Amino acid sequence: MKHSTTETGCVDPPIPPKEHNLTMDYENGTEVALAEVVSYSCKEGHSFIEEPGLTHFEVVCLENGTFENPKYWKGCTPPSGNLI
């Protein structure tokens, strides 16, 4: 997916795969300033599979007006331990 750019920031950060059970702290259509971040965290009651103590991870709005793309999306598992 192509992400929108502006001269002063980024809009439309990468959307995580639905099956990874992630949420992001971004309001659709808002601009994120250059060098600022969008945070991704597990949905309530879920925890990161590979790093259970992790609370969130971030992607940065780069100087070229695009978001960095995660090379690997961290997945979250529900309390039962089964990845949905």
C-alpha atoms as a PDB file:
ATOM      1  CA  MET A   1       0.000   0.000   0.000  1.00  0.00           C
ATOM      2  CA  LYS A   2       1.299   3.477  -0.843  1.00  0.00           C
ATOM      3  CA  HIS A   3       1.305   5.811   2.136  1.00  0.00           C
ATOM      4  CA  SER A   4       0.386   9.475   1.761  1.00  0.00           C
ATOM      5  CA  THR A   5       2.991  12.164   2.269  1.00  0.00           C
ATOM      6  CA  THR A   6       3.006  15.887   2.966  1.00  0.00           C
ATOM      7  CA  GLU A   7       5.797  18.466   3.161  1.00  0.00           C
ATOM      8  CA  THR A   8       5.660  18.610   6.954  1.00  0.00           C
ATOM      9  CA  GLY A   9       4.801  15.069   7.967  1.00  0.00           C
ATOM     10  CA  CYS A  10       3.181  11.746   7.181  1.00  0.00           C
ATOM     11  CA  VAL A  11      -0.374  10.446   6.987  1.00  0.00           C
ATOM     12  CA  ASP A  12      -1.732   6.915   6.627  1.00  0.00           C
ATOM     13  CA  PRO A  13       0.790   4.799   8.566  1.00  0.00           C
ATOM     14  CA  PRO A  14       1.203   1.113   7.666  1.00  0.00           C
ATOM     15  CA  ILE A  15      -1.793  -1.013   8.661  1.00  0.00           C
ATOM     16  CA  PRO A  16      -0.859  -4.185  10.543  1.00  0.00           C
ATOM     17  CA  PRO A  17      -2.218  -7.543   9.393  1.00  0.00           C
ATOM     18  CA  LYS A  18      -5.573  -8.187  11.125  1.00  0.00           C
ATOM     19  CA  GLU A  19      -4.482 -11.603  12.430  1.00  0.00           C
ATOM     20  CA  HIS A  20      -1.690  -9.965  14.466  1.00  0.00           C
ATOM     21  CA  ASN A  21      -4.235  -8.433  16.893  1.00  0.00           C
ATOM     22  CA  LEU A  22      -2.588  -4.987  16.953  1.00  0.00           C
ATOM     23  CA  THR A  23      -4.033  -1.524  17.469  1.00  0.00           C
ATOM     24  CA  MET A  24      -2.353   1.775  16.635  1.00  0.00           C
ATOM     25  CA  ASP A  25      -2.523   5.214  18.216  1.00  0.00           C
ATOM     26  CA  TYR A  26      -3.450   7.049  15.040  1.00  0.00           C
ATOM     27  CA  GLU A  27      -6.581   8.960  14.099  1.00  0.00           C
ATOM     28  CA  ASN A  28      -7.416   8.512  10.402  1.00  0.00           C
ATOM     29  CA  GLY A  29      -6.391  11.423   8.225  1.00  0.00           C
ATOM     30  CA  THR A  30      -4.304  13.245  10.818  1.00  0.00           C
ATOM     31  CA  GLU A  31      -0.756  14.276  10.045  1.00  0.00           C
ATOM     32  CA  VAL A  32       2.176  12.944  12.067  1.00  0.00           C
ATOM     33  CA  ALA A  33       5.105  15.379  12.203  1.00  0.00           C
ATOM     34  CA  LEU A  34       8.465  14.399  10.728  1.00  0.00           C
ATOM     35  CA  ALA A  35      10.514  12.260  13.177  1.00  0.00           C
ATOM     36  CA  GLU A  36       7.403  11.579  15.297  1.00  0.00           C
ATOM     37  CA  VAL A  37       6.050   8.066  15.762  1.00  0.00           C
ATOM     38  CA  VAL A  38       2.889   5.990  15.586  1.00  0.00           C
ATOM     39  CA  SER A  39       2.721   3.322  18.296  1.00  0.00           C
ATOM     40  CA  TYR A  40       1.311  -0.169  17.833  1.00  0.00           C
ATOM     41  CA  SER A  41       0.223  -2.254  20.809  1.00  0.00           C
ATOM     42  CA  CYS A  42      -1.605  -5.516  21.399  1.00  0.00           C
ATOM     43  CA  LYS A  43      -5.374  -5.442  21.672  1.00  0.00           C
ATOM     44  CA  GLU A  44      -6.634  -5.510  25.256  1.00  0.00           C
ATOM     45  CA  GLY A  45      -5.942  -8.833  26.964  1.00  0.00           C
ATOM     46  CA  HIS A  46      -3.377  -9.892  24.347  1.00  0.00           C
ATOM     47  CA  SER A  47       0.429  -9.968  24.675  1.00  0.00           C
ATOM     48  CA  PHE A  48       3.308 -10.015  22.216  1.00  0.00           C
ATOM     49  CA  ILE A  49       4.203 -13.574  21.211  1.00  0.00           C
ATOM     50  CA  GLU A  50       7.989 -13.219  20.981  1.00  0.00           C
ATOM     51  CA  GLU A  51       8.382 -10.568  23.691  1.00  0.00           C
ATOM     52  CA  PRO A  52       5.693 -10.958  26.402  1.00  0.00           C
ATOM     53  CA  GLY A  53       6.999  -7.952  28.401  1.00  0.00           C
ATOM     54  CA  LEU A  54       6.814  -5.606  25.408  1.00  0.00           C
ATOM     55  CA  THR A  55       4.015  -3.037  25.652  1.00  0.00           C
ATOM     56  CA  HIS A  56       4.283  -1.454  22.182  1.00  0.00           C
ATOM     57  CA  PHE A  57       6.511  -0.780  19.194  1.00  0.00           C
ATOM     58  CA  GLU A  58       6.745   2.267  16.951  1.00  0.00           C
ATOM     59  CA  VAL A  59       7.176   3.330  13.336  1.00  0.00           C
ATOM     60  CA  VAL A  60       8.747   6.703  12.549  1.00  0.00           C
ATOM     61  CA  CYS A  61       7.671   9.384  10.098  1.00  0.00           C
ATOM     62  CA  LEU A  62      10.813   9.747   7.997  1.00  0.00           C
ATOM     63  CA  GLU A  63      12.298  12.972   6.626  1.00  0.00           C
ATOM     64  CA  ASN A  64      11.070  12.075   3.128  1.00  0.00           C
ATOM     65  CA  GLY A  65       7.462  12.248   4.392  1.00  0.00           C
ATOM     66  CA  THR A  66       6.815   8.494   4.496  1.00  0.00           C
ATOM     67  CA  PHE A  67       6.548   6.091   7.406  1.00  0.00           C
ATOM     68  CA  GLU A  68       9.178   3.453   7.904  1.00  0.00           C
ATOM     69  CA  ASN A  69       7.713   0.044   7.089  1.00  0.00           C
ATOM     70  CA  PRO A  70       8.168  -2.698   9.667  1.00  0.00           C
ATOM     71  CA  LYS A  71      10.292  -5.497   8.200  1.00  0.00           C
ATOM     72  CA  TYR A  72       8.420  -7.868  10.481  1.00  0.00           C
ATOM     73  CA  TRP A  73       5.042  -7.345  12.158  1.00  0.00           C
ATOM     74  CA  LYS A  74       5.077  -8.462  15.773  1.00  0.00           C
ATOM     75  CA  GLY A  75       2.095 -10.667  16.553  1.00  0.00           C
ATOM     76  CA  CYS A  76      -0.059 -10.759  19.672  1.00  0.00           C
ATOM     77  CA  THR A  77      -1.628 -13.767  21.311  1.00  0.00           C
ATOM     78  CA  PRO A  78      -4.873 -13.729  23.299  1.00  0.00           C
ATOM     79  CA  PRO A  79      -4.878 -14.762  26.991  1.00  0.00           C
ATOM     80  CA  SER A  80      -5.639 -18.375  26.039  1.00  0.00           C
ATOM     81  CA  GLY A  81      -2.290 -18.545  24.214  1.00  0.00           C
ATOM     82  CA  ASN A  82      -3.816 -19.230  20.797  1.00  0.00           C
ATOM     83  CA  LEU A  83      -2.960 -16.895  17.947  1.00  0.00           C
ATOM     84  CA  ILE A  84      -6.179 -15.814  16.268  1.00  0.00           C
END
